[in-house]
Amino acid sequence: MSPEEEREQAFREKAATKLFSGRVDFLLSAPQLKFLPEPTVPEIAFCGRSNVGKSSLLNALTGRRAIARASVTPGRTQELNFFEVGDPTLFRLVDMPGYGFAKAPPKVVEKWKKLVRSYLRGRQVLHRNLVLVDSRHGLKDVDREMMTMLDEAAVGYRVVMTKADKIKKSELDATVAKVAEEAKKHVAAFPQIHVTSAEKGMGIAELRAAVVEDALGAGWAD
């Protein structure tokens, strides 16, 4: 990255941090499509396997301690949870149901899948999806299934590695390289892999800027 590009990136990160330091409020939970809020502003959705650190990442991105509930119990998020950003509202963050529930009843899993699939295919204001992947484990079959679902729904998505502070750098680099190579095979995946740690703040500012740009467009901070 050139010095000019570095300055531009720093500017975007600072502007995004300022935006998130303002109003960020929980709006509603939607267990079914009929409960979705009116599609009046752009939406950025977050998805990932149970216990991937989705709530912690949302809290880190928004600079809040508990805007999204972090739980040691996998599968706690069983609905689409909407959060509004900005005053007036500029865009929404959508916390999607976690997937890959080993202990959940099949009927419950199928219900969640149907909700997610319908939301992805029918939500015109959905600008981007973030697929969260645990850095310690890399891509699992359920992640691949989600990525294929996004490909088929023609929803562009970013792959975000979480908990990057939990493994050695050499192992992290190898996992990221492997994930990046596989992501190239998916038509809706961004080539860039975001590496983050909600606990240490690694990669949070960069991802925050990317989220705002995805929602509001490249020139939003000008």
C-alpha atoms as a PDB file:
ATOM      1  CA  MET A   1       0.000   0.000   0.000  1.00  0.00           C
ATOM      2  CA  SER A   2       1.392   3.387  -1.033  1.00  0.00           C
ATOM      3  CA  PRO A   3       1.685   6.278   1.465  1.00  0.00           C
ATOM      4  CA  GLU A   4      -1.294   7.961  -0.198  1.00  0.00           C
ATOM      5  CA  GLU A   5      -3.364   4.788   0.074  1.00  0.00           C
ATOM      6  CA  GLU A   6      -2.339   4.421   3.715  1.00  0.00           C
ATOM      7  CA  ARG A   7      -3.494   7.974   4.451  1.00  0.00           C
ATOM      8  CA  GLU A   8      -6.799   7.329   2.687  1.00  0.00           C
ATOM      9  CA  GLN A   9      -7.320   4.101   4.609  1.00  0.00           C
ATOM     10  CA  ALA A  10      -6.542   5.818   7.912  1.00  0.00           C
ATOM     11  CA  PHE A  11      -9.053   8.552   7.030  1.00  0.00           C
ATOM     12  CA  ARG A  12     -11.771   5.992   6.267  1.00  0.00           C
ATOM     13  CA  GLU A  13     -11.080   4.079   9.473  1.00  0.00           C
ATOM     14  CA  LYS A  14     -11.245   7.257  11.559  1.00  0.00           C
ATOM     15  CA  ALA A  15     -14.497   8.341   9.896  1.00  0.00           C
ATOM     16  CA  ALA A  16     -16.052   4.900  10.401  1.00  0.00           C
ATOM     17  CA  THR A  17     -15.045   4.850  14.070  1.00  0.00           C
ATOM     18  CA  LYS A  18     -16.623   8.282  14.516  1.00  0.00           C
ATOM     19  CA  LEU A  19     -19.831   7.086  12.880  1.00  0.00           C
ATOM     20  CA  PHE A  20     -20.078   4.063  15.176  1.00  0.00           C
ATOM     21  CA  SER A  21     -19.374   6.248  18.212  1.00  0.00           C
ATOM     22  CA  GLY A  22     -22.799   7.779  17.583  1.00  0.00           C
ATOM     23  CA  ARG A  23     -26.163   6.080  17.722  1.00  0.00           C
ATOM     24  CA  VAL A  24     -26.206   2.270  17.497  1.00  0.00           C
ATOM     25  CA  ASP A  25     -29.438   0.769  18.809  1.00  0.00           C
ATOM     26  CA  PHE A  26     -31.140  -2.609  18.787  1.00  0.00           C
ATOM     27  CA  LEU A  27     -34.260  -2.409  16.608  1.00  0.00           C
ATOM     28  CA  LEU A  28     -36.010  -5.779  16.657  1.00  0.00           C
ATOM     29  CA  SER A  29     -35.734  -9.564  16.371  1.00  0.00           C
ATOM     30  CA  ALA A  30     -37.461 -11.288  13.478  1.00  0.00           C
ATOM     31  CA  PRO A  31     -38.279 -15.000  13.952  1.00  0.00           C
ATOM     32  CA  GLN A  32     -40.124 -14.969  10.615  1.00  0.00           C
ATOM     33  CA  LEU A  33     -39.927 -12.899   7.423  1.00  0.00           C
ATOM     34  CA  LYS A  34     -43.202 -11.144   8.184  1.00  0.00           C
ATOM     35  CA  PHE A  35     -41.521  -9.485  11.157  1.00  0.00           C
ATOM     36  CA  LEU A  36     -38.703  -7.895   9.119  1.00  0.00           C
ATOM     37  CA  PRO A  37     -38.411  -4.099   9.354  1.00  0.00           C
ATOM     38  CA  GLU A  38     -39.332  -2.016   6.341  1.00  0.00           C
ATOM     39  CA  PRO A  39     -36.508  -2.165   3.734  1.00  0.00           C
ATOM     40  CA  THR A  40     -35.746   1.548   3.899  1.00  0.00           C
ATOM     41  CA  VAL A  41     -31.961   1.539   4.483  1.00  0.00           C
ATOM     42  CA  PRO A  42     -28.994  -0.661   3.473  1.00  0.00           C
ATOM     43  CA  GLU A  43     -28.268  -3.760   5.552  1.00  0.00           C
ATOM     44  CA  ILE A  44     -25.030  -5.608   6.318  1.00  0.00           C
ATOM     45  CA  ALA A  45     -25.530  -9.142   7.640  1.00  0.00           C
ATOM     46  CA  PHE A  46     -23.224 -11.264   9.809  1.00  0.00           C
ATOM     47  CA  CYS A  47     -23.299 -15.049   9.800  1.00  0.00           C
ATOM     48  CA  GLY A  48     -21.140 -17.871  11.083  1.00  0.00           C
ATOM     49  CA  ARG A  49     -21.011 -21.151  12.931  1.00  0.00           C
ATOM     50  CA  SER A  50     -22.171 -21.296  16.522  1.00  0.00           C
ATOM     51  CA  ASN A  51     -19.502 -20.046  18.909  1.00  0.00           C
ATOM     52  CA  VAL A  52     -17.486 -18.401  16.120  1.00  0.00           C
ATOM     53  CA  GLY A  53     -17.436 -15.127  18.054  1.00  0.00           C
ATOM     54  CA  LYS A  54     -20.126 -13.264  16.129  1.00  0.00           C
ATOM     55  CA  SER A  55     -21.539 -11.359  19.092  1.00  0.00           C
ATOM     56  CA  SER A  56     -18.058 -10.391  20.279  1.00  0.00           C
ATOM     57  CA  LEU A  57     -17.172  -9.108  16.806  1.00  0.00           C
ATOM     58  CA  LEU A  58     -20.371  -7.059  16.585  1.00  0.00           C
ATOM     59  CA  ASN A  59     -19.631  -5.562  19.993  1.00  0.00           C
ATOM     60  CA  ALA A  60     -16.062  -4.717  18.924  1.00  0.00           C
ATOM     61  CA  LEU A  61     -17.141  -3.166  15.618  1.00  0.00           C
ATOM     62  CA  THR A  62     -19.746  -0.956  17.250  1.00  0.00           C
ATOM     63  CA  GLY A  63     -17.533  -0.083  20.202  1.00  0.00           C
ATOM     64  CA  ARG A  64     -20.150  -1.382  22.637  1.00  0.00           C
ATOM     65  CA  ARG A  65     -19.744  -3.877  25.419  1.00  0.00           C
ATOM     66  CA  ALA A  66     -23.033  -5.663  24.903  1.00  0.00           C
ATOM     67  CA  ILE A  67     -24.924  -4.423  21.846  1.00  0.00           C
ATOM     68  CA  ALA A  68     -25.061  -8.109  20.862  1.00  0.00           C
ATOM     69  CA  ARG A  69     -25.295 -10.747  23.558  1.00  0.00           C
ATOM     70  CA  ALA A  70     -22.250 -12.985  23.757  1.00  0.00           C
ATOM     71  CA  SER A  71     -23.027 -16.408  25.112  1.00  0.00           C
ATOM     72  CA  VAL A  72     -21.107 -19.581  25.850  1.00  0.00           C
ATOM     73  CA  THR A  73     -24.210 -21.466  24.732  1.00  0.00           C
ATOM     74  CA  PRO A  74     -23.988 -22.116  20.968  1.00  0.00           C
ATOM     75  CA  GLY A  75     -27.107 -21.373  18.975  1.00  0.00           C
ATOM     76  CA  ARG A  76     -28.508 -18.693  21.251  1.00  0.00           C
ATOM     77  CA  THR A  77     -29.228 -16.422  18.281  1.00  0.00           C
ATOM     78  CA  GLN A  78     -32.232 -18.092  16.651  1.00  0.00           C
ATOM     79  CA  GLU A  79     -33.695 -15.048  14.922  1.00  0.00           C
ATOM     80  CA  LEU A  80     -32.580 -12.219  12.654  1.00  0.00           C
ATOM     81  CA  ASN A  81     -31.554  -9.414  15.003  1.00  0.00           C
ATOM     82  CA  PHE A  82     -31.460  -5.879  13.575  1.00  0.00           C
ATOM     83  CA  PHE A  83     -29.376  -2.956  14.850  1.00  0.00           C
ATOM     84  CA  GLU A  84     -29.684   0.604  13.539  1.00  0.00           C
ATOM     85  CA  VAL A  85     -26.609   2.777  12.971  1.00  0.00           C
ATOM     86  CA  GLY A  86     -26.726   6.570  12.729  1.00  0.00           C
ATOM     87  CA  ASP A  87     -29.190   9.315  13.642  1.00  0.00           C
ATOM     88  CA  PRO A  88     -31.163   9.399  11.433  1.00  0.00           C
ATOM     89  CA  THR A  89     -30.597   5.731  10.602  1.00  0.00           C
ATOM     90  CA  LEU A  90     -28.024   5.315   7.825  1.00  0.00           C
ATOM     91  CA  PHE A  91     -27.904   1.518   7.701  1.00  0.00           C
ATOM     92  CA  ARG A  92     -28.565  -1.615   9.728  1.00  0.00           C
ATOM     93  CA  LEU A  93     -26.440  -4.486  10.983  1.00  0.00           C
ATOM     94  CA  VAL A  94     -28.143  -7.877  10.925  1.00  0.00           C
ATOM     95  CA  ASP A  95     -27.072 -10.644  13.304  1.00  0.00           C
ATOM     96  CA  MET A  96     -28.123 -13.869  11.586  1.00  0.00           C
ATOM     97  CA  PRO A  97     -28.791 -17.225  13.300  1.00  0.00           C
ATOM     98  CA  GLY A  98     -25.639 -19.244  13.853  1.00  0.00           C
ATOM     99  CA  TYR A  99     -25.330 -22.479  11.931  1.00  0.00           C
ATOM    100  CA  GLY A 100     -23.788 -25.894  12.519  1.00  0.00           C
ATOM    101  CA  PHE A 101     -25.716 -26.814  15.640  1.00  0.00           C
ATOM    102  CA  ALA A 102     -24.655 -30.281  16.707  1.00  0.00           C
ATOM    103  CA  LYS A 103     -27.304 -30.571  19.414  1.00  0.00           C
ATOM    104  CA  ALA A 104     -30.225 -28.681  17.867  1.00  0.00           C
ATOM    105  CA  PRO A 105     -33.280 -30.693  16.756  1.00  0.00           C
ATOM    106  CA  PRO A 106     -33.414 -31.186  12.955  1.00  0.00           C
ATOM    107  CA  LYS A 107     -36.758 -29.363  12.692  1.00  0.00           C
ATOM    108  CA  VAL A 108     -35.303 -26.319  14.458  1.00  0.00           C
ATOM    109  CA  VAL A 109     -32.226 -26.310  12.213  1.00  0.00           C
ATOM    110  CA  GLU A 110     -34.395 -26.547   9.100  1.00  0.00           C
ATOM    111  CA  LYS A 111     -36.548 -23.675  10.318  1.00  0.00           C
ATOM    112  CA  TRP A 112     -33.467 -21.478  10.799  1.00  0.00           C
ATOM    113  CA  LYS A 113     -32.111 -22.480   7.380  1.00  0.00           C
ATOM    114  CA  LYS A 114     -35.393 -21.569   5.696  1.00  0.00           C
ATOM    115  CA  LEU A 115     -35.460 -18.182   7.412  1.00  0.00           C
ATOM    116  CA  VAL A 116     -31.878 -17.383   6.412  1.00  0.00           C
ATOM    117  CA  ARG A 117     -32.265 -18.624   2.843  1.00  0.00           C
ATOM    118  CA  SER A 118     -35.456 -16.614   2.319  1.00  0.00           C
ATOM    119  CA  TYR A 119     -33.891 -13.485   3.779  1.00  0.00           C
ATOM    120  CA  LEU A 120     -30.814 -13.739   1.558  1.00  0.00           C
ATOM    121  CA  ARG A 121     -32.770 -14.275  -1.636  1.00  0.00           C
ATOM    122  CA  GLY A 122     -35.497 -11.730  -1.076  1.00  0.00           C
ATOM    123  CA  ARG A 123     -33.917  -8.772   0.728  1.00  0.00           C
ATOM    124  CA  GLN A 124     -33.131  -6.088  -1.854  1.00  0.00           C
ATOM    125  CA  VAL A 125     -31.517  -3.739   0.694  1.00  0.00           C
ATOM    126  CA  LEU A 126     -28.966  -6.393   1.735  1.00  0.00           C
ATOM    127  CA  HIS A 127     -25.708  -4.860   0.495  1.00  0.00           C
ATOM    128  CA  ARG A 128     -23.201  -7.314   1.892  1.00  0.00           C
ATOM    129  CA  ASN A 129     -22.800 -10.389   4.053  1.00  0.00           C
ATOM    130  CA  LEU A 130     -19.911 -11.224   6.346  1.00  0.00           C
ATOM    131  CA  VAL A 131     -19.097 -14.918   6.756  1.00  0.00           C
ATOM    132  CA  LEU A 132     -17.228 -15.428  10.025  1.00  0.00           C
ATOM    133  CA  VAL A 133     -14.726 -18.286  10.222  1.00  0.00           C
ATOM    134  CA  ASP A 134     -12.863 -19.388  13.357  1.00  0.00           C
ATOM    135  CA  SER A 135      -9.125 -18.956  12.713  1.00  0.00           C
ATOM    136  CA  ARG A 136      -8.374 -22.048  14.795  1.00  0.00           C
ATOM    137  CA  HIS A 137     -10.413 -24.335  12.563  1.00  0.00           C
ATOM    138  CA  GLY A 138     -10.614 -22.774   9.098  1.00  0.00           C
ATOM    139  CA  LEU A 139     -13.502 -23.572   6.767  1.00  0.00           C
ATOM    140  CA  LYS A 140     -15.902 -26.333   7.772  1.00  0.00           C
ATOM    141  CA  ASP A 141     -18.515 -27.974   5.553  1.00  0.00           C
ATOM    142  CA  VAL A 142     -21.245 -25.797   7.072  1.00  0.00           C
ATOM    143  CA  ASP A 143     -19.232 -22.693   6.120  1.00  0.00           C
ATOM    144  CA  ARG A 144     -18.925 -23.969   2.572  1.00  0.00           C
ATOM    145  CA  GLU A 145     -22.649 -24.623   2.505  1.00  0.00           C
ATOM    146  CA  MET A 146     -23.284 -21.030   3.580  1.00  0.00           C
ATOM    147  CA  MET A 147     -20.867 -19.663   0.994  1.00  0.00           C
ATOM    148  CA  THR A 148     -22.588 -21.680  -1.738  1.00  0.00           C
ATOM    149  CA  MET A 149     -25.962 -20.400  -0.547  1.00  0.00           C
ATOM    150  CA  LEU A 150     -24.665 -16.840  -0.849  1.00  0.00           C
ATOM    151  CA  ASP A 151     -23.240 -17.561  -4.302  1.00  0.00           C
ATOM    152  CA  GLU A 152     -26.639 -18.831  -5.438  1.00  0.00           C
ATOM    153  CA  ALA A 153     -28.420 -15.845  -3.909  1.00  0.00           C
ATOM    154  CA  ALA A 154     -25.946 -13.500  -5.651  1.00  0.00           C
ATOM    155  CA  VAL A 155     -25.095 -11.795  -2.368  1.00  0.00           C
ATOM    156  CA  GLY A 156     -21.508 -10.557  -2.229  1.00  0.00           C
ATOM    157  CA  TYR A 157     -19.698 -11.469   0.963  1.00  0.00           C
ATOM    158  CA  ARG A 158     -16.487 -10.946   2.883  1.00  0.00           C
ATOM    159  CA  VAL A 159     -14.811 -13.815   4.720  1.00  0.00           C
ATOM    160  CA  VAL A 160     -13.792 -12.688   8.207  1.00  0.00           C
ATOM    161  CA  MET A 161     -11.413 -14.776  10.312  1.00  0.00           C
ATOM    162  CA  THR A 162     -12.191 -14.454  14.029  1.00  0.00           C
ATOM    163  CA  LYS A 163     -10.176 -15.229  17.177  1.00  0.00           C
ATOM    164  CA  ALA A 164      -6.893 -14.682  15.329  1.00  0.00           C
ATOM    165  CA  ASP A 165      -5.106 -14.119  18.631  1.00  0.00           C
ATOM    166  CA  LYS A 166      -5.804 -17.685  19.747  1.00  0.00           C
ATOM    167  CA  ILE A 167      -3.242 -19.417  17.495  1.00  0.00           C
ATOM    168  CA  LYS A 168       0.392 -18.981  16.471  1.00  0.00           C
ATOM    169  CA  LYS A 169       1.112 -16.578  13.615  1.00  0.00           C
ATOM    170  CA  SER A 170       2.545 -19.324  11.420  1.00  0.00           C
ATOM    171  CA  GLU A 171      -0.616 -21.401  11.849  1.00  0.00           C
ATOM    172  CA  LEU A 172      -2.777 -18.336  11.258  1.00  0.00           C
ATOM    173  CA  ASP A 173      -0.953 -17.444   8.048  1.00  0.00           C
ATOM    174  CA  ALA A 174      -1.341 -20.990   6.756  1.00  0.00           C
ATOM    175  CA  THR A 175      -5.053 -21.064   7.559  1.00  0.00           C
ATOM    176  CA  VAL A 176      -5.699 -17.658   5.982  1.00  0.00           C
ATOM    177  CA  ALA A 177      -3.849 -18.696   2.810  1.00  0.00           C
ATOM    178  CA  LYS A 178      -5.899 -21.888   2.582  1.00  0.00           C
ATOM    179  CA  VAL A 179      -9.181 -20.043   3.123  1.00  0.00           C
ATOM    180  CA  ALA A 180      -8.242 -17.378   0.554  1.00  0.00           C
ATOM    181  CA  GLU A 181      -7.456 -20.051  -2.026  1.00  0.00           C
ATOM    182  CA  GLU A 182     -10.795 -21.745  -1.485  1.00  0.00           C
ATOM    183  CA  ALA A 183     -12.680 -18.432  -1.508  1.00  0.00           C
ATOM    184  CA  LYS A 184     -11.453 -17.861  -5.073  1.00  0.00           C
ATOM    185  CA  LYS A 185     -13.722 -20.717  -6.143  1.00  0.00           C
ATOM    186  CA  HIS A 186     -16.818 -18.871  -4.922  1.00  0.00           C
ATOM    187  CA  VAL A 187     -18.216 -16.273  -7.319  1.00  0.00           C
ATOM    188  CA  ALA A 188     -19.709 -14.009  -4.628  1.00  0.00           C
ATOM    189  CA  ALA A 189     -16.710 -14.006  -2.277  1.00  0.00           C
ATOM    190  CA  PHE A 190     -14.379 -11.016  -1.966  1.00  0.00           C
ATOM    191  CA  PRO A 191     -10.735 -11.924  -2.630  1.00  0.00           C
ATOM    192  CA  GLN A 192      -9.553 -10.132   0.524  1.00  0.00           C
ATOM    193  CA  ILE A 193      -9.723 -12.105   3.772  1.00  0.00           C
ATOM    194  CA  HIS A 194     -10.201 -10.034   6.919  1.00  0.00           C
ATOM    195  CA  VAL A 195      -8.232 -11.280   9.929  1.00  0.00           C
ATOM    196  CA  THR A 196      -9.621 -10.112  13.261  1.00  0.00           C
ATOM    197  CA  SER A 197      -9.552 -10.510  17.015  1.00  0.00           C
ATOM    198  CA  ALA A 198     -12.399  -8.895  18.917  1.00  0.00           C
ATOM    199  CA  GLU A 199     -10.486  -9.373  22.164  1.00  0.00           C
ATOM    200  CA  LYS A 200      -7.243  -7.725  20.978  1.00  0.00           C
ATOM    201  CA  GLY A 201      -8.775  -5.277  18.480  1.00  0.00           C
ATOM    202  CA  MET A 202      -6.839  -6.810  15.571  1.00  0.00           C
ATOM    203  CA  GLY A 203      -8.278  -5.847  12.181  1.00  0.00           C
ATOM    204  CA  ILE A 204     -11.358  -4.216  13.724  1.00  0.00           C
ATOM    205  CA  ALA A 205     -10.795  -0.675  12.411  1.00  0.00           C
ATOM    206  CA  GLU A 206     -10.185  -1.928   8.882  1.00  0.00           C
ATOM    207  CA  LEU A 207     -13.272  -4.140   8.908  1.00  0.00           C
ATOM    208  CA  ARG A 208     -15.347  -1.329  10.407  1.00  0.00           C
ATOM    209  CA  ALA A 209     -14.397   0.930   7.494  1.00  0.00           C
ATOM    210  CA  ALA A 210     -15.194  -1.846   5.006  1.00  0.00           C
ATOM    211  CA  VAL A 211     -18.635  -2.390   6.557  1.00  0.00           C
ATOM    212  CA  VAL A 212     -19.532   1.296   6.321  1.00  0.00           C
ATOM    213  CA  GLU A 213     -18.258   1.493   2.744  1.00  0.00           C
ATOM    214  CA  ASP A 214     -20.301  -1.585   1.800  1.00  0.00           C
ATOM    215  CA  ALA A 215     -23.389   0.026   3.303  1.00  0.00           C
ATOM    216  CA  LEU A 216     -23.027   3.606   2.104  1.00  0.00           C
ATOM    217  CA  GLY A 217     -20.728   3.460  -0.919  1.00  0.00           C
ATOM    218  CA  ALA A 218     -17.085   4.260  -1.629  1.00  0.00           C
ATOM    219  CA  GLY A 219     -17.401   8.043  -1.308  1.00  0.00           C
ATOM    220  CA  TRP A 220     -19.438   8.105   1.901  1.00  0.00           C
ATOM    221  CA  ALA A 221     -16.718   9.833   3.976  1.00  0.00           C
ATOM    222  CA  ASP A 222     -15.863  12.539   1.401  1.00  0.00           C
END
